Amino acid sequence: MQTKILDLEGQEGDSVDLPSVFNTTVREDVINRVFVALASHKKQPQGRDPLAGERTSAESGHPPTGRGISRIPRVKGERYSKSGMAGAVASTVHGRMPHPPKSEKVIRKEINSKERYLAVASAIAATTNQDLVQKRGHKFSAKLPIVVSGDLENITKARDLKKFLTVLGADKDILRAGDRKKKVTSALSRRIRPGVGPLIVVSNTSKLRAAAKSFTGLSVATSSSLSVLDLAPGSIPGRLTIWTKESLNGISKNVLNAGGN
């Protein structure tokens, strides 16, 4: 497969042969399975103190019956606020949790390396599929796949990067990502997560990362360390991806082999 190389003005130049990994069959089932496994590696185990709610003198009467009150354990003592209060069971105020989360629970999912490489190869191929990219909601005007000259990697200022994104029509996708904010609530934090915008794939020596931080939803990744998490956020393939000419040479050999090279 060949495609034209674009300059920073959006003008077509020489043609380049794309690696055969771009012809890989898109396996959405494999992408989903690998995404779920890799996403679990970011989760932090959490649990409760096994003695939480149990540090109390509360106990049932001996015998627990014949006193005209319920058999729930009660705090010992007299003439202070806690005496006589129920405790040490799940149905009481400030009592223990009935089934608290345990830190020893195994939440990390493993995946075979060959399957992981195949998922990356499939996700790379999906970036050339016009229907899949539009189905994700991305807005752009350039023809896929988008391959740009190495001058893009030397951009260090946000205004220059914005000018280039406007040439591709991807500036509208940045605005779309900013509008698609989602509130994420977990046991550890409450935060606002923006939508997903374009992905720029560069070589290891790129200076573009600092400029890209100014744009909501825009990500920069190196070709040698591409992941399904970058190429298919939410396990949905078809992210709008911009490749530099140098990044095509840095795609991992394992990924190339998985793609049938």
C-alpha atoms as a PDB file:
ATOM      1  CA  MET A   1       0.000   0.000   0.000  1.00  0.00           C
ATOM      2  CA  GLN A   2       1.282   3.447  -0.937  1.00  0.00           C
ATOM      3  CA  THR A   3       0.199   6.868   0.257  1.00  0.00           C
ATOM      4  CA  LYS A   4       1.248  10.458  -0.278  1.00  0.00           C
ATOM      5  CA  ILE A   5       3.375  12.303   2.276  1.00  0.00           C
ATOM      6  CA  LEU A   6       1.901  15.638   3.389  1.00  0.00           C
ATOM      7  CA  ASP A   7       3.942  18.654   4.367  1.00  0.00           C
ATOM      8  CA  LEU A   8       2.983  21.098   7.108  1.00  0.00           C
ATOM      9  CA  GLU A   9       0.944  23.081   4.587  1.00  0.00           C
ATOM     10  CA  GLY A  10      -1.131  20.036   3.633  1.00  0.00           C
ATOM     11  CA  GLN A  11       0.440  19.713   0.191  1.00  0.00           C
ATOM     12  CA  GLU A  12       1.111  16.222  -1.166  1.00  0.00           C
ATOM     13  CA  GLY A  13       4.700  15.250  -1.887  1.00  0.00           C
ATOM     14  CA  ASP A  14       6.448  11.960  -2.563  1.00  0.00           C
ATOM     15  CA  SER A  15       4.800   8.596  -2.049  1.00  0.00           C
ATOM     16  CA  VAL A  16       5.815   6.137   0.654  1.00  0.00           C
ATOM     17  CA  ASP A  17       5.289   2.402   0.947  1.00  0.00           C
ATOM     18  CA  LEU A  18       3.372   1.583   4.104  1.00  0.00           C
ATOM     19  CA  PRO A  19       4.437  -1.481   6.112  1.00  0.00           C
ATOM     20  CA  SER A  20       2.332  -4.549   5.420  1.00  0.00           C
ATOM     21  CA  VAL A  21       0.920  -4.331   8.950  1.00  0.00           C
ATOM     22  CA  PHE A  22      -1.492  -1.714   7.593  1.00  0.00           C
ATOM     23  CA  ASN A  23      -3.152  -4.508   5.566  1.00  0.00           C
ATOM     24  CA  THR A  24      -3.908  -6.630   8.631  1.00  0.00           C
ATOM     25  CA  THR A  25      -7.484  -7.804   9.061  1.00  0.00           C
ATOM     26  CA  VAL A  26      -9.163  -5.785  11.803  1.00  0.00           C
ATOM     27  CA  ARG A  27     -10.015  -8.171  14.663  1.00  0.00           C
ATOM     28  CA  GLU A  28     -12.270  -6.198  17.004  1.00  0.00           C
ATOM     29  CA  ASP A  29     -12.671  -9.210  19.301  1.00  0.00           C
ATOM     30  CA  VAL A  30      -8.915  -9.467  19.853  1.00  0.00           C
ATOM     31  CA  ILE A  31      -8.600  -5.710  20.331  1.00  0.00           C
ATOM     32  CA  ASN A  32     -11.325  -5.769  22.992  1.00  0.00           C
ATOM     33  CA  ARG A  33      -9.792  -8.699  24.871  1.00  0.00           C
ATOM     34  CA  VAL A  34      -6.314  -7.163  24.910  1.00  0.00           C
ATOM     35  CA  PHE A  35      -7.634  -3.732  25.888  1.00  0.00           C
ATOM     36  CA  VAL A  36      -9.458  -5.148  28.917  1.00  0.00           C
ATOM     37  CA  ALA A  37      -6.310  -7.026  29.998  1.00  0.00           C
ATOM     38  CA  LEU A  38      -3.989  -4.024  29.620  1.00  0.00           C
ATOM     39  CA  ALA A  39      -6.454  -1.666  31.296  1.00  0.00           C
ATOM     40  CA  SER A  40      -6.489  -3.927  34.355  1.00  0.00           C
ATOM     41  CA  HIS A  41      -2.734  -3.323  34.785  1.00  0.00           C
ATOM     42  CA  LYS A  42      -3.477   0.291  35.706  1.00  0.00           C
ATOM     43  CA  LYS A  43      -5.889  -0.587  38.491  1.00  0.00           C
ATOM     44  CA  GLN A  44      -4.667  -0.268  42.047  1.00  0.00           C
ATOM     45  CA  PRO A  45      -5.619  -3.038  44.493  1.00  0.00           C
ATOM     46  CA  GLN A  46      -7.621  -1.773  47.422  1.00  0.00           C
ATOM     47  CA  GLY A  47      -9.041  -3.306  50.562  1.00  0.00           C
ATOM     48  CA  ARG A  48     -10.172  -2.630  54.112  1.00  0.00           C
ATOM     49  CA  ASP A  49      -8.507  -3.224  57.444  1.00  0.00           C
ATOM     50  CA  PRO A  50      -9.700  -6.684  58.568  1.00  0.00           C
ATOM     51  CA  LEU A  51     -10.269  -5.270  62.072  1.00  0.00           C
ATOM     52  CA  ALA A  52     -12.181  -2.164  60.929  1.00  0.00           C
ATOM     53  CA  GLY A  53     -15.328  -1.892  63.045  1.00  0.00           C
ATOM     54  CA  GLU A  54     -14.156  -4.734  65.295  1.00  0.00           C
ATOM     55  CA  ARG A  55     -12.078  -2.700  67.738  1.00  0.00           C
ATOM     56  CA  THR A  56     -14.744  -2.490  70.407  1.00  0.00           C
ATOM     57  CA  SER A  57     -15.672  -4.147  73.656  1.00  0.00           C
ATOM     58  CA  ALA A  58     -19.139  -4.986  72.338  1.00  0.00           C
ATOM     59  CA  GLU A  59     -20.293  -8.522  72.968  1.00  0.00           C
ATOM     60  CA  SER A  60     -23.563 -10.366  73.425  1.00  0.00           C
ATOM     61  CA  GLY A  61     -24.921 -11.088  76.910  1.00  0.00           C
ATOM     62  CA  HIS A  62     -24.127 -14.340  78.632  1.00  0.00           C
ATOM     63  CA  PRO A  63     -26.565 -15.869  78.014  1.00  0.00           C
ATOM     64  CA  PRO A  64     -27.746 -13.635  75.116  1.00  0.00           C
ATOM     65  CA  THR A  65     -31.421 -14.311  75.877  1.00  0.00           C
ATOM     66  CA  GLY A  66     -33.743 -13.559  78.751  1.00  0.00           C
ATOM     67  CA  ARG A  67     -32.918  -9.832  79.041  1.00  0.00           C
ATOM     68  CA  GLY A  68     -35.798  -8.441  76.998  1.00  0.00           C
ATOM     69  CA  ILE A  69     -33.487  -6.895  74.379  1.00  0.00           C
ATOM     70  CA  SER A  70     -32.095  -8.024  71.035  1.00  0.00           C
ATOM     71  CA  ARG A  71     -29.087 -10.315  70.875  1.00  0.00           C
ATOM     72  CA  ILE A  72     -26.911  -7.782  69.040  1.00  0.00           C
ATOM     73  CA  PRO A  73     -23.518  -7.233  70.752  1.00  0.00           C
ATOM     74  CA  ARG A  74     -23.425  -4.070  72.869  1.00  0.00           C
ATOM     75  CA  VAL A  75     -20.554  -1.978  74.192  1.00  0.00           C
ATOM     76  CA  LYS A  76     -19.659  -2.631  77.813  1.00  0.00           C
ATOM     77  CA  GLY A  77     -19.626   0.003  80.532  1.00  0.00           C
ATOM     78  CA  GLU A  78     -21.949   2.514  82.140  1.00  0.00           C
ATOM     79  CA  ARG A  79     -22.441   6.278  82.277  1.00  0.00           C
ATOM     80  CA  TYR A  80     -20.736   7.226  79.027  1.00  0.00           C
ATOM     81  CA  SER A  81     -22.082   7.851  75.535  1.00  0.00           C
ATOM     82  CA  LYS A  82     -21.053   4.572  73.916  1.00  0.00           C
ATOM     83  CA  SER A  83     -22.136   2.205  76.667  1.00  0.00           C
ATOM     84  CA  GLY A  84     -25.015   0.006  75.636  1.00  0.00           C
ATOM     85  CA  MET A  85     -24.681   0.881  71.950  1.00  0.00           C
ATOM     86  CA  ALA A  86     -24.656  -1.927  69.440  1.00  0.00           C
ATOM     87  CA  GLY A  87     -21.376  -2.624  67.647  1.00  0.00           C
ATOM     88  CA  ALA A  88     -19.047  -5.111  65.950  1.00  0.00           C
ATOM     89  CA  VAL A  89     -21.701  -6.277  63.451  1.00  0.00           C
ATOM     90  CA  ALA A  90     -22.621  -5.065  59.975  1.00  0.00           C
ATOM     91  CA  SER A  91     -26.127  -3.864  60.872  1.00  0.00           C
ATOM     92  CA  THR A  92     -25.005  -1.256  63.425  1.00  0.00           C
ATOM     93  CA  VAL A  93     -23.911   2.372  63.272  1.00  0.00           C
ATOM     94  CA  HIS A  94     -20.120   2.591  62.830  1.00  0.00           C
ATOM     95  CA  GLY A  95     -20.028  -1.193  62.587  1.00  0.00           C
ATOM     96  CA  ARG A  96     -18.007  -3.274  60.179  1.00  0.00           C
ATOM     97  CA  MET A  97     -18.813  -3.710  56.484  1.00  0.00           C
ATOM     98  CA  PRO A  98     -20.564  -6.993  55.661  1.00  0.00           C
ATOM     99  CA  HIS A  99     -18.366  -7.924  52.669  1.00  0.00           C
ATOM    100  CA  PRO A 100     -15.535  -5.365  52.344  1.00  0.00           C
ATOM    101  CA  PRO A 101     -13.167  -5.363  49.336  1.00  0.00           C
ATOM    102  CA  LYS A 102      -9.977  -7.337  49.889  1.00  0.00           C
ATOM    103  CA  SER A 103      -6.576  -6.181  48.694  1.00  0.00           C
ATOM    104  CA  GLU A 104      -5.514  -9.741  47.948  1.00  0.00           C
ATOM    105  CA  LYS A 105      -8.165 -10.069  45.231  1.00  0.00           C
ATOM    106  CA  VAL A 106      -6.539 -10.752  41.846  1.00  0.00           C
ATOM    107  CA  ILE A 107      -7.624  -7.973  39.472  1.00  0.00           C
ATOM    108  CA  ARG A 108      -4.715  -8.119  37.008  1.00  0.00           C
ATOM    109  CA  LYS A 109      -5.488  -9.991  33.785  1.00  0.00           C
ATOM    110  CA  GLU A 110      -2.700 -11.483  31.716  1.00  0.00           C
ATOM    111  CA  ILE A 111      -2.564 -11.749  27.939  1.00  0.00           C
ATOM    112  CA  ASN A 112      -0.344 -13.707  25.553  1.00  0.00           C
ATOM    113  CA  SER A 113       2.331 -11.617  23.861  1.00  0.00           C
ATOM    114  CA  LYS A 114       1.410 -12.861  20.365  1.00  0.00           C
ATOM    115  CA  GLU A 115      -2.218 -11.916  20.961  1.00  0.00           C
ATOM    116  CA  ARG A 116      -1.133  -8.486  22.184  1.00  0.00           C
ATOM    117  CA  TYR A 117       0.963  -7.901  19.064  1.00  0.00           C
ATOM    118  CA  LEU A 118      -1.919  -9.038  16.842  1.00  0.00           C
ATOM    119  CA  ALA A 119      -4.242  -6.572  18.595  1.00  0.00           C
ATOM    120  CA  VAL A 120      -1.797  -3.717  17.967  1.00  0.00           C
ATOM    121  CA  ALA A 121      -1.471  -4.743  14.316  1.00  0.00           C
ATOM    122  CA  SER A 122      -5.263  -4.817  13.945  1.00  0.00           C
ATOM    123  CA  ALA A 123      -5.598  -1.428  15.621  1.00  0.00           C
ATOM    124  CA  ILE A 124      -2.979   0.040  13.285  1.00  0.00           C
ATOM    125  CA  ALA A 125      -4.875  -1.280  10.264  1.00  0.00           C
ATOM    126  CA  ALA A 126      -8.101   0.214  11.632  1.00  0.00           C
ATOM    127  CA  THR A 127      -6.575   3.719  11.451  1.00  0.00           C
ATOM    128  CA  THR A 128      -6.736   3.481   7.647  1.00  0.00           C
ATOM    129  CA  ASN A 129     -10.432   2.517   7.585  1.00  0.00           C
ATOM    130  CA  GLN A 130     -12.504   5.607   6.826  1.00  0.00           C
ATOM    131  CA  ASP A 131     -15.732   4.052   8.101  1.00  0.00           C
ATOM    132  CA  LEU A 132     -14.274   2.969  11.457  1.00  0.00           C
ATOM    133  CA  VAL A 133     -12.673   6.361  12.088  1.00  0.00           C
ATOM    134  CA  GLN A 134     -15.868   8.239  11.269  1.00  0.00           C
ATOM    135  CA  LYS A 135     -17.885   5.786  13.353  1.00  0.00           C
ATOM    136  CA  ARG A 136     -15.874   6.861  16.398  1.00  0.00           C
ATOM    137  CA  GLY A 137     -17.049  10.415  15.731  1.00  0.00           C
ATOM    138  CA  HIS A 138     -13.752  11.956  14.620  1.00  0.00           C
ATOM    139  CA  LYS A 139     -13.914  15.069  12.451  1.00  0.00           C
ATOM    140  CA  PHE A 140     -11.282  15.606   9.751  1.00  0.00           C
ATOM    141  CA  SER A 141     -10.945  16.404   6.070  1.00  0.00           C
ATOM    142  CA  ALA A 142      -7.694  14.660   5.064  1.00  0.00           C
ATOM    143  CA  LYS A 143      -7.588  11.325   3.278  1.00  0.00           C
ATOM    144  CA  LEU A 144      -6.597   8.286   5.330  1.00  0.00           C
ATOM    145  CA  PRO A 145      -3.995   7.143   6.180  1.00  0.00           C
ATOM    146  CA  ILE A 146      -2.412  10.461   7.150  1.00  0.00           C
ATOM    147  CA  VAL A 147       1.388  10.401   6.772  1.00  0.00           C
ATOM    148  CA  VAL A 148       3.277  13.646   7.362  1.00  0.00           C
ATOM    149  CA  SER A 149       6.859  14.682   6.750  1.00  0.00           C
ATOM    150  CA  GLY A 150       9.344  14.624   9.615  1.00  0.00           C
ATOM    151  CA  ASP A 151       9.074  18.419   9.994  1.00  0.00           C
ATOM    152  CA  LEU A 152       6.064  17.790  12.236  1.00  0.00           C
ATOM    153  CA  GLU A 153       8.317  16.231  14.885  1.00  0.00           C
ATOM    154  CA  ASN A 154      10.340  19.453  15.162  1.00  0.00           C
ATOM    155  CA  ILE A 155       7.360  21.615  16.127  1.00  0.00           C
ATOM    156  CA  THR A 156       7.777  23.027  19.639  1.00  0.00           C
ATOM    157  CA  LYS A 157       5.094  25.724  19.746  1.00  0.00           C
ATOM    158  CA  ALA A 158       1.370  25.179  20.163  1.00  0.00           C
ATOM    159  CA  ARG A 159       0.410  27.809  17.583  1.00  0.00           C
ATOM    160  CA  ASP A 160       2.396  26.004  14.866  1.00  0.00           C
ATOM    161  CA  LEU A 161       0.773  22.699  15.768  1.00  0.00           C
ATOM    162  CA  LYS A 162      -2.676  24.306  15.751  1.00  0.00           C
ATOM    163  CA  LYS A 163      -2.016  25.673  12.266  1.00  0.00           C
ATOM    164  CA  PHE A 164      -1.119  22.191  11.025  1.00  0.00           C
ATOM    165  CA  LEU A 165      -4.209  20.591  12.616  1.00  0.00           C
ATOM    166  CA  THR A 166      -6.357  23.246  10.945  1.00  0.00           C
ATOM    167  CA  VAL A 167      -4.887  22.299   7.559  1.00  0.00           C
ATOM    168  CA  LEU A 168      -6.006  18.683   8.135  1.00  0.00           C
ATOM    169  CA  GLY A 169      -9.429  19.779   9.395  1.00  0.00           C
ATOM    170  CA  ALA A 170      -8.611  18.058  12.709  1.00  0.00           C
ATOM    171  CA  ASP A 171      -8.996  21.275  14.719  1.00  0.00           C
ATOM    172  CA  LYS A 172     -12.727  20.514  14.828  1.00  0.00           C
ATOM    173  CA  ASP A 173     -11.918  17.159  16.374  1.00  0.00           C
ATOM    174  CA  ILE A 174     -10.012  18.925  19.164  1.00  0.00           C
ATOM    175  CA  LEU A 175     -13.085  21.033  19.882  1.00  0.00           C
ATOM    176  CA  ARG A 176     -15.268  17.913  19.833  1.00  0.00           C
ATOM    177  CA  ALA A 177     -12.995  16.210  22.361  1.00  0.00           C
ATOM    178  CA  GLY A 178     -13.180  19.243  24.639  1.00  0.00           C
ATOM    179  CA  ASP A 179     -16.969  19.232  24.535  1.00  0.00           C
ATOM    180  CA  ARG A 180     -17.242  15.511  25.337  1.00  0.00           C
ATOM    181  CA  LYS A 181     -16.257  15.772  28.984  1.00  0.00           C
ATOM    182  CA  LYS A 182     -17.246  12.903  31.239  1.00  0.00           C
ATOM    183  CA  LYS A 183     -17.377  12.838  35.020  1.00  0.00           C
ATOM    184  CA  VAL A 184     -15.450   9.849  36.351  1.00  0.00           C
ATOM    185  CA  THR A 185     -16.192   8.792  39.910  1.00  0.00           C
ATOM    186  CA  SER A 186     -14.292   6.037  41.660  1.00  0.00           C
ATOM    187  CA  ALA A 187     -13.487   5.015  45.192  1.00  0.00           C
ATOM    188  CA  LEU A 188     -10.205   6.936  44.961  1.00  0.00           C
ATOM    189  CA  SER A 189     -11.069  10.108  43.038  1.00  0.00           C
ATOM    190  CA  ARG A 190     -13.633  12.246  41.273  1.00  0.00           C
ATOM    191  CA  ARG A 191     -12.394  13.934  38.138  1.00  0.00           C
ATOM    192  CA  ILE A 192     -13.368  15.189  34.696  1.00  0.00           C
ATOM    193  CA  ARG A 193     -12.146  13.095  31.764  1.00  0.00           C
ATOM    194  CA  PRO A 194     -12.104  14.794  28.338  1.00  0.00           C
ATOM    195  CA  GLY A 195     -13.050  13.108  25.113  1.00  0.00           C
ATOM    196  CA  VAL A 196     -10.529  11.350  22.858  1.00  0.00           C
ATOM    197  CA  GLY A 197      -9.050  13.348  20.005  1.00  0.00           C
ATOM    198  CA  PRO A 198      -6.367  12.602  17.404  1.00  0.00           C
ATOM    199  CA  LEU A 199      -3.233  10.559  18.028  1.00  0.00           C
ATOM    200  CA  ILE A 200       0.127  11.609  16.581  1.00  0.00           C
ATOM    201  CA  VAL A 201       2.663   8.804  16.193  1.00  0.00           C
ATOM    202  CA  VAL A 202       6.265   9.986  16.166  1.00  0.00           C
ATOM    203  CA  SER A 203       9.786   8.587  16.440  1.00  0.00           C
ATOM    204  CA  ASN A 204      11.668   8.443  19.724  1.00  0.00           C
ATOM    205  CA  THR A 205      13.486  11.739  19.154  1.00  0.00           C
ATOM    206  CA  SER A 206      10.414  13.938  18.653  1.00  0.00           C
ATOM    207  CA  LYS A 207      10.080  17.352  20.336  1.00  0.00           C
ATOM    208  CA  LEU A 208       6.326  17.519  19.779  1.00  0.00           C
ATOM    209  CA  ARG A 209       5.075  16.396  23.206  1.00  0.00           C
ATOM    210  CA  ALA A 210       5.344  19.792  24.916  1.00  0.00           C
ATOM    211  CA  ALA A 211       3.269  21.531  22.235  1.00  0.00           C
ATOM    212  CA  ALA A 212       0.627  18.775  22.220  1.00  0.00           C
ATOM    213  CA  LYS A 213      -0.140  19.288  25.930  1.00  0.00           C
ATOM    214  CA  SER A 214      -2.020  22.474  25.038  1.00  0.00           C
ATOM    215  CA  PHE A 215      -4.772  20.589  23.173  1.00  0.00           C
ATOM    216  CA  THR A 216      -7.562  18.650  24.813  1.00  0.00           C
ATOM    217  CA  GLY A 217      -7.766  15.011  23.746  1.00  0.00           C
ATOM    218  CA  LEU A 218      -4.612  15.129  21.612  1.00  0.00           C
ATOM    219  CA  SER A 219      -2.056  12.406  22.363  1.00  0.00           C
ATOM    220  CA  VAL A 220       1.490  11.732  21.196  1.00  0.00           C
ATOM    221  CA  ALA A 221       2.963   8.211  21.157  1.00  0.00           C
ATOM    222  CA  THR A 222       6.173   6.711  19.845  1.00  0.00           C
ATOM    223  CA  SER A 223       5.929   4.043  17.170  1.00  0.00           C
ATOM    224  CA  SER A 224       8.197   1.626  19.037  1.00  0.00           C
ATOM    225  CA  SER A 225       5.907   1.490  22.062  1.00  0.00           C
ATOM    226  CA  LEU A 226       2.444   1.628  20.508  1.00  0.00           C
ATOM    227  CA  SER A 227      -0.327   0.057  22.542  1.00  0.00           C
ATOM    228  CA  VAL A 228      -3.979  -0.825  22.043  1.00  0.00           C
ATOM    229  CA  LEU A 229      -4.671   1.709  24.795  1.00  0.00           C
ATOM    230  CA  ASP A 230      -3.359   4.427  22.435  1.00  0.00           C
ATOM    231  CA  LEU A 231      -4.816   3.200  19.153  1.00  0.00           C
ATOM    232  CA  ALA A 232      -8.223   1.977  20.361  1.00  0.00           C
ATOM    233  CA  PRO A 233      -9.391   3.887  23.454  1.00  0.00           C
ATOM    234  CA  GLY A 234     -12.322   2.165  25.097  1.00  0.00           C
ATOM    235  CA  SER A 235     -11.469  -0.936  23.017  1.00  0.00           C
ATOM    236  CA  ILE A 236     -13.090   0.744  19.982  1.00  0.00           C
ATOM    237  CA  PRO A 237     -10.746   0.682  16.940  1.00  0.00           C
ATOM    238  CA  GLY A 238     -10.464   3.513  14.438  1.00  0.00           C
ATOM    239  CA  ARG A 239      -8.835   6.403  16.287  1.00  0.00           C
ATOM    240  CA  LEU A 240      -7.852   9.319  14.046  1.00  0.00           C
ATOM    241  CA  THR A 241      -4.088   8.804  13.764  1.00  0.00           C
ATOM    242  CA  ILE A 242      -1.417  10.993  12.178  1.00  0.00           C
ATOM    243  CA  TRP A 243       1.837   9.212  11.296  1.00  0.00           C
ATOM    244  CA  THR A 244       5.162  10.880  10.639  1.00  0.00           C
ATOM    245  CA  LYS A 245       7.381   9.399   7.941  1.00  0.00           C
ATOM    246  CA  GLU A 246      10.072   8.468  10.496  1.00  0.00           C
ATOM    247  CA  SER A 247       7.560   6.696  12.761  1.00  0.00           C
ATOM    248  CA  LEU A 248       6.764   4.119  10.070  1.00  0.00           C
ATOM    249  CA  ASN A 249      10.318   2.778  10.358  1.00  0.00           C
ATOM    250  CA  GLY A 250      10.078   2.455  14.131  1.00  0.00           C
ATOM    251  CA  ILE A 251       7.116   0.085  14.358  1.00  0.00           C
ATOM    252  CA  SER A 252       8.094  -2.925  16.445  1.00  0.00           C
ATOM    253  CA  LYS A 253       9.209  -5.998  14.497  1.00  0.00           C
ATOM    254  CA  ASN A 254       6.945  -8.108  16.706  1.00  0.00           C
ATOM    255  CA  VAL A 255       3.947  -6.077  15.530  1.00  0.00           C
ATOM    256  CA  LEU A 256       5.067  -6.357  11.909  1.00  0.00           C
ATOM    257  CA  ASN A 257       5.341 -10.123  12.218  1.00  0.00           C
ATOM    258  CA  ALA A 258       1.942 -10.343  13.888  1.00  0.00           C
ATOM    259  CA  GLY A 259       0.504  -8.428  10.960  1.00  0.00           C
ATOM    260  CA  GLY A 260       1.776 -11.030   8.520  1.00  0.00           C
ATOM    261  CA  ASN A 261       4.915  -9.300   7.324  1.00  0.00           C
END
